[in-house]
N, C-alpha and C. Protein backbone atom coordinates (compact mmCIF):
# COMPACT_ATOMS: atom_id res chain seq x y z
N UNK A 1 -25.60 7.08 -16.76
CA UNK A 1 -24.38 7.70 -17.30
C UNK A 1 -23.46 8.06 -16.12
N UNK A 2 -22.18 7.89 -16.30
CA UNK A 2 -21.22 8.19 -15.28
C UNK A 2 -20.90 9.65 -15.26
N UNK A 3 -20.97 10.27 -14.06
CA UNK A 3 -20.65 11.70 -13.96
C UNK A 3 -19.16 11.87 -13.63
N UNK A 4 -18.49 12.64 -14.46
CA UNK A 4 -17.06 12.97 -14.24
C UNK A 4 -16.99 14.48 -14.16
N UNK A 5 -16.37 14.99 -13.11
CA UNK A 5 -16.16 16.41 -12.96
C UNK A 5 -14.86 16.77 -13.74
N UNK A 6 -15.05 17.39 -14.88
CA UNK A 6 -13.90 17.68 -15.75
C UNK A 6 -12.96 18.72 -15.15
N UNK A 7 -13.46 19.63 -14.36
CA UNK A 7 -12.58 20.55 -13.68
C UNK A 7 -11.67 19.82 -12.68
N UNK A 8 -12.25 18.87 -11.96
CA UNK A 8 -11.44 18.05 -11.04
C UNK A 8 -10.39 17.27 -11.79
N UNK A 9 -10.74 16.75 -12.97
CA UNK A 9 -9.78 16.01 -13.80
C UNK A 9 -8.63 16.93 -14.21
N UNK A 10 -8.95 18.13 -14.65
CA UNK A 10 -7.89 19.07 -15.08
C UNK A 10 -7.01 19.47 -13.91
N UNK A 11 -7.62 19.76 -12.76
CA UNK A 11 -6.85 20.14 -11.57
C UNK A 11 -5.96 18.99 -11.15
N UNK A 12 -6.50 17.75 -11.11
CA UNK A 12 -5.72 16.58 -10.72
C UNK A 12 -4.57 16.37 -11.70
N UNK A 13 -4.83 16.53 -13.00
CA UNK A 13 -3.79 16.30 -13.99
C UNK A 13 -2.65 17.36 -13.84
N UNK A 14 -3.03 18.58 -13.65
CA UNK A 14 -2.02 19.63 -13.47
C UNK A 14 -1.22 19.41 -12.18
N UNK A 15 -1.93 18.97 -11.13
CA UNK A 15 -1.25 18.72 -9.87
C UNK A 15 -0.19 17.60 -10.00
N UNK A 16 -0.58 16.49 -10.66
CA UNK A 16 0.40 15.39 -10.81
C UNK A 16 1.46 15.70 -11.85
N UNK A 17 1.14 16.55 -12.80
CA UNK A 17 2.17 17.01 -13.76
C UNK A 17 3.26 17.75 -13.00
N UNK A 18 2.85 18.65 -12.13
CA UNK A 18 3.78 19.42 -11.32
C UNK A 18 4.53 18.49 -10.33
N UNK A 19 3.81 17.60 -9.71
CA UNK A 19 4.47 16.63 -8.78
C UNK A 19 5.47 15.75 -9.52
N UNK A 20 5.18 15.38 -10.75
CA UNK A 20 6.12 14.55 -11.55
C UNK A 20 7.36 15.35 -11.87
N UNK A 21 7.17 16.61 -12.18
CA UNK A 21 8.32 17.48 -12.45
C UNK A 21 9.20 17.55 -11.19
N UNK A 22 8.56 17.74 -10.05
CA UNK A 22 9.26 17.81 -8.78
C UNK A 22 9.96 16.50 -8.45
N UNK A 23 9.29 15.37 -8.72
CA UNK A 23 9.83 14.05 -8.41
C UNK A 23 11.16 13.83 -9.10
N UNK A 24 11.22 14.23 -10.39
CA UNK A 24 12.44 14.03 -11.18
C UNK A 24 13.34 15.23 -11.23
N UNK A 25 13.13 16.17 -10.30
CA UNK A 25 13.95 17.39 -10.25
C UNK A 25 15.13 17.17 -9.32
N UNK A 26 16.07 18.11 -9.33
CA UNK A 26 17.24 18.01 -8.39
C UNK A 26 16.80 18.04 -6.93
N UNK A 27 15.61 18.50 -6.63
CA UNK A 27 15.15 18.51 -5.24
C UNK A 27 14.88 17.11 -4.71
N UNK A 28 14.54 16.18 -5.61
CA UNK A 28 14.24 14.82 -5.12
C UNK A 28 15.13 13.75 -5.82
N UNK A 29 14.73 13.25 -6.95
CA UNK A 29 15.38 12.03 -7.48
C UNK A 29 16.17 12.21 -8.78
N UNK A 30 16.41 13.45 -9.17
CA UNK A 30 17.13 13.67 -10.42
C UNK A 30 18.50 13.00 -10.46
N UNK A 31 19.29 13.21 -9.42
CA UNK A 31 20.66 12.67 -9.42
C UNK A 31 20.71 11.15 -9.46
N UNK A 32 20.00 10.45 -8.58
CA UNK A 32 20.07 8.98 -8.66
C UNK A 32 19.44 8.47 -9.96
N UNK A 33 18.40 9.12 -10.44
CA UNK A 33 17.76 8.73 -11.69
C UNK A 33 18.72 8.86 -12.87
N UNK A 34 19.44 9.95 -12.93
CA UNK A 34 20.42 10.18 -13.96
C UNK A 34 21.56 9.15 -13.88
N UNK A 35 22.06 8.92 -12.68
CA UNK A 35 23.14 7.94 -12.51
C UNK A 35 22.71 6.55 -12.93
N UNK A 36 21.48 6.15 -12.60
CA UNK A 36 20.97 4.87 -13.01
C UNK A 36 20.79 4.78 -14.53
N UNK A 37 20.66 5.89 -15.16
CA UNK A 37 20.54 5.91 -16.65
C UNK A 37 21.91 5.99 -17.28
N UNK A 38 22.96 6.00 -16.44
CA UNK A 38 24.33 6.04 -16.97
C UNK A 38 24.77 7.44 -17.38
N UNK A 39 24.15 8.45 -16.80
CA UNK A 39 24.48 9.81 -17.18
C UNK A 39 25.03 10.55 -15.96
N UNK A 40 25.87 11.51 -16.20
CA UNK A 40 26.39 12.39 -15.13
C UNK A 40 25.32 13.48 -14.87
N UNK A 41 24.82 13.50 -13.61
CA UNK A 41 23.76 14.47 -13.29
C UNK A 41 24.19 15.93 -13.52
N UNK A 42 25.43 16.26 -13.18
CA UNK A 42 25.88 17.62 -13.32
C UNK A 42 25.96 18.04 -14.80
N UNK A 43 26.47 17.08 -15.66
CA UNK A 43 26.56 17.38 -17.07
C UNK A 43 25.17 17.46 -17.66
N UNK A 44 24.27 16.62 -17.23
CA UNK A 44 22.89 16.65 -17.75
C UNK A 44 22.20 17.96 -17.38
N UNK A 45 22.48 18.42 -16.15
CA UNK A 45 21.86 19.65 -15.65
C UNK A 45 22.42 20.87 -16.41
N UNK A 46 23.69 20.80 -16.74
CA UNK A 46 24.34 21.95 -17.42
C UNK A 46 23.74 22.20 -18.77
N UNK A 47 23.42 21.13 -19.47
CA UNK A 47 22.85 21.29 -20.85
C UNK A 47 21.36 21.11 -20.89
N UNK A 48 20.73 21.19 -19.75
CA UNK A 48 19.27 20.90 -19.67
C UNK A 48 18.45 22.09 -20.18
N UNK A 49 17.47 21.76 -20.95
CA UNK A 49 16.44 22.70 -21.34
C UNK A 49 15.13 21.94 -21.38
N UNK A 50 14.07 22.62 -21.14
CA UNK A 50 12.74 21.98 -21.07
C UNK A 50 12.31 21.63 -22.51
N UNK A 51 12.12 20.36 -22.78
CA UNK A 51 11.68 19.98 -24.12
C UNK A 51 10.17 20.16 -24.24
N UNK A 52 9.74 21.24 -24.87
CA UNK A 52 8.32 21.64 -24.97
C UNK A 52 7.44 20.53 -25.46
N UNK A 53 7.81 19.84 -26.50
CA UNK A 53 6.92 18.79 -27.06
C UNK A 53 6.71 17.67 -26.07
N UNK A 54 7.74 17.28 -25.38
CA UNK A 54 7.65 16.20 -24.41
C UNK A 54 6.80 16.62 -23.20
N UNK A 55 6.93 17.88 -22.84
CA UNK A 55 6.11 18.38 -21.70
C UNK A 55 4.62 18.38 -22.07
N UNK A 56 4.29 18.73 -23.30
CA UNK A 56 2.90 18.66 -23.75
C UNK A 56 2.38 17.24 -23.72
N UNK A 57 3.19 16.33 -24.22
CA UNK A 57 2.77 14.91 -24.22
C UNK A 57 2.60 14.41 -22.77
N UNK A 58 3.50 14.83 -21.88
CA UNK A 58 3.36 14.41 -20.47
C UNK A 58 2.11 14.98 -19.85
N UNK A 59 1.76 16.21 -20.17
CA UNK A 59 0.52 16.79 -19.63
C UNK A 59 -0.68 16.06 -20.16
N UNK A 60 -0.66 15.66 -21.42
CA UNK A 60 -1.75 14.88 -21.99
C UNK A 60 -1.87 13.53 -21.31
N UNK A 61 -0.72 12.89 -21.07
CA UNK A 61 -0.71 11.62 -20.31
C UNK A 61 -1.36 11.80 -18.93
N UNK A 62 -1.04 12.86 -18.28
CA UNK A 62 -1.61 13.15 -16.96
C UNK A 62 -3.13 13.36 -17.07
N UNK A 63 -3.57 14.04 -18.09
CA UNK A 63 -5.00 14.23 -18.31
C UNK A 63 -5.72 12.94 -18.57
N UNK A 64 -5.16 12.10 -19.40
CA UNK A 64 -5.75 10.78 -19.71
C UNK A 64 -5.84 9.95 -18.43
N UNK A 65 -4.76 9.89 -17.67
CA UNK A 65 -4.72 9.13 -16.44
C UNK A 65 -5.78 9.65 -15.46
N UNK A 66 -5.88 10.97 -15.29
CA UNK A 66 -6.83 11.54 -14.36
C UNK A 66 -8.27 11.25 -14.80
N UNK A 67 -8.53 11.34 -16.09
CA UNK A 67 -9.86 11.03 -16.59
C UNK A 67 -10.25 9.58 -16.35
N UNK A 68 -9.35 8.69 -16.69
CA UNK A 68 -9.65 7.25 -16.50
C UNK A 68 -9.88 6.92 -15.04
N UNK A 69 -9.02 7.46 -14.14
CA UNK A 69 -9.21 7.21 -12.72
C UNK A 69 -10.53 7.82 -12.26
N UNK A 70 -10.86 9.00 -12.73
CA UNK A 70 -12.15 9.62 -12.35
C UNK A 70 -13.33 8.74 -12.80
N UNK A 71 -13.25 8.19 -13.96
CA UNK A 71 -14.34 7.29 -14.43
C UNK A 71 -14.45 6.06 -13.56
N UNK A 72 -13.32 5.43 -13.22
CA UNK A 72 -13.38 4.26 -12.35
C UNK A 72 -13.90 4.62 -10.94
N UNK A 73 -13.44 5.76 -10.43
CA UNK A 73 -13.90 6.18 -9.09
C UNK A 73 -15.41 6.36 -9.10
N UNK A 74 -15.94 7.00 -10.19
CA UNK A 74 -17.37 7.21 -10.28
C UNK A 74 -18.10 5.87 -10.47
N UNK A 75 -17.62 5.03 -11.32
CA UNK A 75 -18.27 3.73 -11.59
C UNK A 75 -18.32 2.87 -10.32
N UNK A 76 -17.23 2.92 -9.53
CA UNK A 76 -17.15 2.09 -8.34
C UNK A 76 -17.79 2.73 -7.13
N UNK A 77 -18.15 4.01 -7.25
CA UNK A 77 -18.80 4.71 -6.13
C UNK A 77 -17.86 5.00 -4.99
N UNK A 78 -16.61 5.22 -5.28
CA UNK A 78 -15.65 5.56 -4.23
C UNK A 78 -16.05 6.93 -3.67
N UNK A 79 -16.21 7.01 -2.33
CA UNK A 79 -16.74 8.25 -1.73
C UNK A 79 -16.06 8.67 -0.46
N UNK A 80 -14.98 8.04 -0.06
CA UNK A 80 -14.32 8.41 1.19
C UNK A 80 -12.83 8.44 0.99
N UNK A 81 -12.12 9.02 1.93
CA UNK A 81 -10.67 9.05 1.88
C UNK A 81 -10.12 7.62 1.93
N UNK A 82 -10.64 6.79 2.81
CA UNK A 82 -10.22 5.42 2.88
C UNK A 82 -10.47 4.72 1.56
N UNK A 83 -11.62 4.96 0.98
CA UNK A 83 -11.91 4.34 -0.34
C UNK A 83 -11.01 4.80 -1.44
N UNK A 84 -10.70 6.10 -1.44
CA UNK A 84 -9.80 6.63 -2.46
C UNK A 84 -8.38 6.09 -2.35
N UNK A 85 -7.93 5.99 -1.10
CA UNK A 85 -6.55 5.44 -0.85
C UNK A 85 -6.55 3.95 -1.19
N UNK A 86 -7.55 3.25 -0.79
CA UNK A 86 -7.67 1.79 -1.06
C UNK A 86 -7.69 1.58 -2.56
N UNK A 87 -8.51 2.34 -3.28
CA UNK A 87 -8.59 2.22 -4.70
C UNK A 87 -7.26 2.54 -5.36
N UNK A 88 -6.63 3.65 -4.94
CA UNK A 88 -5.37 4.06 -5.50
C UNK A 88 -4.28 3.02 -5.27
N UNK A 89 -4.24 2.44 -4.10
CA UNK A 89 -3.25 1.43 -3.77
C UNK A 89 -3.41 0.20 -4.66
N UNK A 90 -4.65 -0.25 -4.84
CA UNK A 90 -4.87 -1.41 -5.66
C UNK A 90 -4.52 -1.16 -7.16
N UNK A 91 -4.90 0.04 -7.64
CA UNK A 91 -4.55 0.38 -9.05
C UNK A 91 -3.01 0.43 -9.18
N UNK A 92 -2.34 1.01 -8.20
CA UNK A 92 -0.89 1.11 -8.23
C UNK A 92 -0.24 -0.25 -8.25
N UNK A 93 -0.66 -1.15 -7.36
CA UNK A 93 -0.08 -2.49 -7.33
C UNK A 93 -0.44 -3.25 -8.61
N UNK A 94 -1.66 -3.14 -9.04
CA UNK A 94 -2.13 -3.92 -10.20
C UNK A 94 -1.57 -3.50 -11.53
N UNK A 95 -1.09 -2.26 -11.65
CA UNK A 95 -0.57 -1.85 -12.95
C UNK A 95 0.85 -1.41 -12.92
N UNK A 96 1.23 -0.23 -12.42
CA UNK A 96 2.63 0.19 -12.48
C UNK A 96 3.56 -0.78 -11.77
N UNK A 97 3.20 -1.28 -10.60
CA UNK A 97 4.13 -2.17 -9.88
C UNK A 97 4.33 -3.44 -10.63
N UNK A 98 3.26 -4.03 -11.19
CA UNK A 98 3.39 -5.27 -11.95
C UNK A 98 4.19 -5.02 -13.22
N UNK A 99 3.97 -3.92 -13.92
CA UNK A 99 4.69 -3.63 -15.14
C UNK A 99 6.16 -3.37 -14.84
N UNK A 100 6.45 -2.61 -13.80
CA UNK A 100 7.83 -2.29 -13.45
C UNK A 100 8.56 -3.53 -12.95
N UNK A 101 7.88 -4.43 -12.26
CA UNK A 101 8.48 -5.68 -11.82
C UNK A 101 8.92 -6.51 -13.06
N UNK A 102 8.07 -6.50 -14.05
CA UNK A 102 8.41 -7.19 -15.32
C UNK A 102 9.64 -6.60 -15.97
N UNK A 103 9.74 -5.28 -15.92
CA UNK A 103 10.93 -4.56 -16.49
C UNK A 103 12.21 -4.99 -15.75
N UNK A 104 12.09 -5.09 -14.41
CA UNK A 104 13.26 -5.51 -13.61
C UNK A 104 13.61 -6.97 -13.93
N UNK A 105 12.60 -7.79 -14.01
CA UNK A 105 12.81 -9.23 -14.20
C UNK A 105 13.31 -9.56 -15.60
N UNK A 106 12.70 -8.95 -16.63
CA UNK A 106 12.95 -9.40 -18.00
C UNK A 106 13.84 -8.43 -18.80
N UNK A 107 13.92 -7.18 -18.39
CA UNK A 107 14.70 -6.21 -19.18
C UNK A 107 15.91 -5.71 -18.42
N UNK A 108 16.16 -6.27 -17.26
CA UNK A 108 17.30 -5.90 -16.44
C UNK A 108 17.30 -4.41 -16.05
N UNK A 109 16.12 -3.84 -15.90
CA UNK A 109 16.01 -2.49 -15.40
C UNK A 109 16.48 -2.52 -13.94
N UNK A 110 17.36 -1.62 -13.54
CA UNK A 110 17.81 -1.64 -12.14
C UNK A 110 16.62 -1.44 -11.21
N UNK A 111 16.57 -2.24 -10.14
CA UNK A 111 15.46 -2.16 -9.22
C UNK A 111 15.32 -0.78 -8.61
N UNK A 112 16.45 -0.08 -8.45
CA UNK A 112 16.38 1.25 -7.83
C UNK A 112 15.67 2.21 -8.81
N UNK A 113 15.92 2.05 -10.11
CA UNK A 113 15.21 2.93 -11.09
C UNK A 113 13.72 2.57 -11.09
N UNK A 114 13.41 1.29 -11.04
CA UNK A 114 11.99 0.92 -10.98
C UNK A 114 11.32 1.46 -9.72
N UNK A 115 12.05 1.48 -8.63
CA UNK A 115 11.51 1.99 -7.34
C UNK A 115 11.26 3.52 -7.48
N UNK A 116 12.14 4.22 -8.15
CA UNK A 116 11.92 5.68 -8.37
C UNK A 116 10.62 5.88 -9.18
N UNK A 117 10.50 5.13 -10.27
CA UNK A 117 9.30 5.24 -11.11
C UNK A 117 8.07 4.79 -10.37
N UNK A 118 8.17 3.72 -9.58
CA UNK A 118 7.01 3.24 -8.82
C UNK A 118 6.53 4.26 -7.81
N UNK A 119 7.50 4.95 -7.17
CA UNK A 119 7.10 6.00 -6.22
C UNK A 119 6.38 7.13 -6.90
N UNK A 120 6.86 7.51 -8.08
CA UNK A 120 6.20 8.55 -8.87
C UNK A 120 4.75 8.15 -9.18
N UNK A 121 4.58 6.90 -9.62
CA UNK A 121 3.25 6.40 -9.96
C UNK A 121 2.34 6.34 -8.75
N UNK A 122 2.91 5.98 -7.59
CA UNK A 122 2.09 5.89 -6.38
C UNK A 122 1.55 7.27 -6.03
N UNK A 123 2.43 8.27 -6.08
CA UNK A 123 2.02 9.65 -5.76
C UNK A 123 0.93 10.10 -6.75
N UNK A 124 1.18 9.88 -8.05
CA UNK A 124 0.21 10.30 -9.05
C UNK A 124 -1.15 9.66 -8.86
N UNK A 125 -1.15 8.36 -8.71
CA UNK A 125 -2.43 7.65 -8.60
C UNK A 125 -3.19 8.05 -7.33
N UNK A 126 -2.44 8.18 -6.23
CA UNK A 126 -3.07 8.57 -4.96
C UNK A 126 -3.65 9.99 -5.03
N UNK A 127 -2.89 10.92 -5.53
CA UNK A 127 -3.34 12.32 -5.60
C UNK A 127 -4.57 12.43 -6.50
N UNK A 128 -4.52 11.78 -7.67
CA UNK A 128 -5.66 11.85 -8.56
C UNK A 128 -6.89 11.21 -7.92
N UNK A 129 -6.69 10.04 -7.33
CA UNK A 129 -7.81 9.33 -6.70
C UNK A 129 -8.48 10.20 -5.62
N UNK A 130 -7.67 10.85 -4.81
CA UNK A 130 -8.21 11.65 -3.72
C UNK A 130 -8.93 12.90 -4.26
N UNK A 131 -8.31 13.55 -5.22
CA UNK A 131 -8.93 14.79 -5.78
C UNK A 131 -10.25 14.45 -6.45
N UNK A 132 -10.30 13.47 -7.33
CA UNK A 132 -11.56 13.20 -8.03
C UNK A 132 -12.58 12.56 -7.16
N UNK A 133 -12.20 11.94 -6.06
CA UNK A 133 -13.20 11.41 -5.11
C UNK A 133 -13.90 12.49 -4.38
N UNK A 134 -13.16 13.50 -3.93
CA UNK A 134 -13.76 14.53 -3.10
C UNK A 134 -14.30 15.73 -3.90
N UNK A 135 -13.89 15.89 -5.12
CA UNK A 135 -14.34 17.01 -5.92
C UNK A 135 -15.26 16.53 -7.04
N UNK A 136 -16.47 16.27 -6.66
CA UNK A 136 -17.44 15.77 -7.65
C UNK A 136 -18.31 16.89 -8.01
């Protein structure tokens, strides 16, 4: 049976939830992300309120992602920083990068928007991989 540390999963999920909020905040990529969506960042910020339901769904997404990564890390026996980074990089390239490349190619998603999302996914996958690797 595969051992998953559920506390590590919860901590990793909360960490990437907070990092995701920071990623799309005015401190980092809010303005370019809004412009790429065709919205005025100042106007969007003026009427902004935290959508509770969406935040709950996002937290659940982070929990699911952290749990799945924790299972893979355990199944593959990842046990070092190099292993966690290596694993995270391959997962990032194999899934979000490939999916976002398809969005750019076939749906005309601006490459800058895909790059913002890809960076968010890279941070999330790396942080989760490192936390669940070392906190068993």
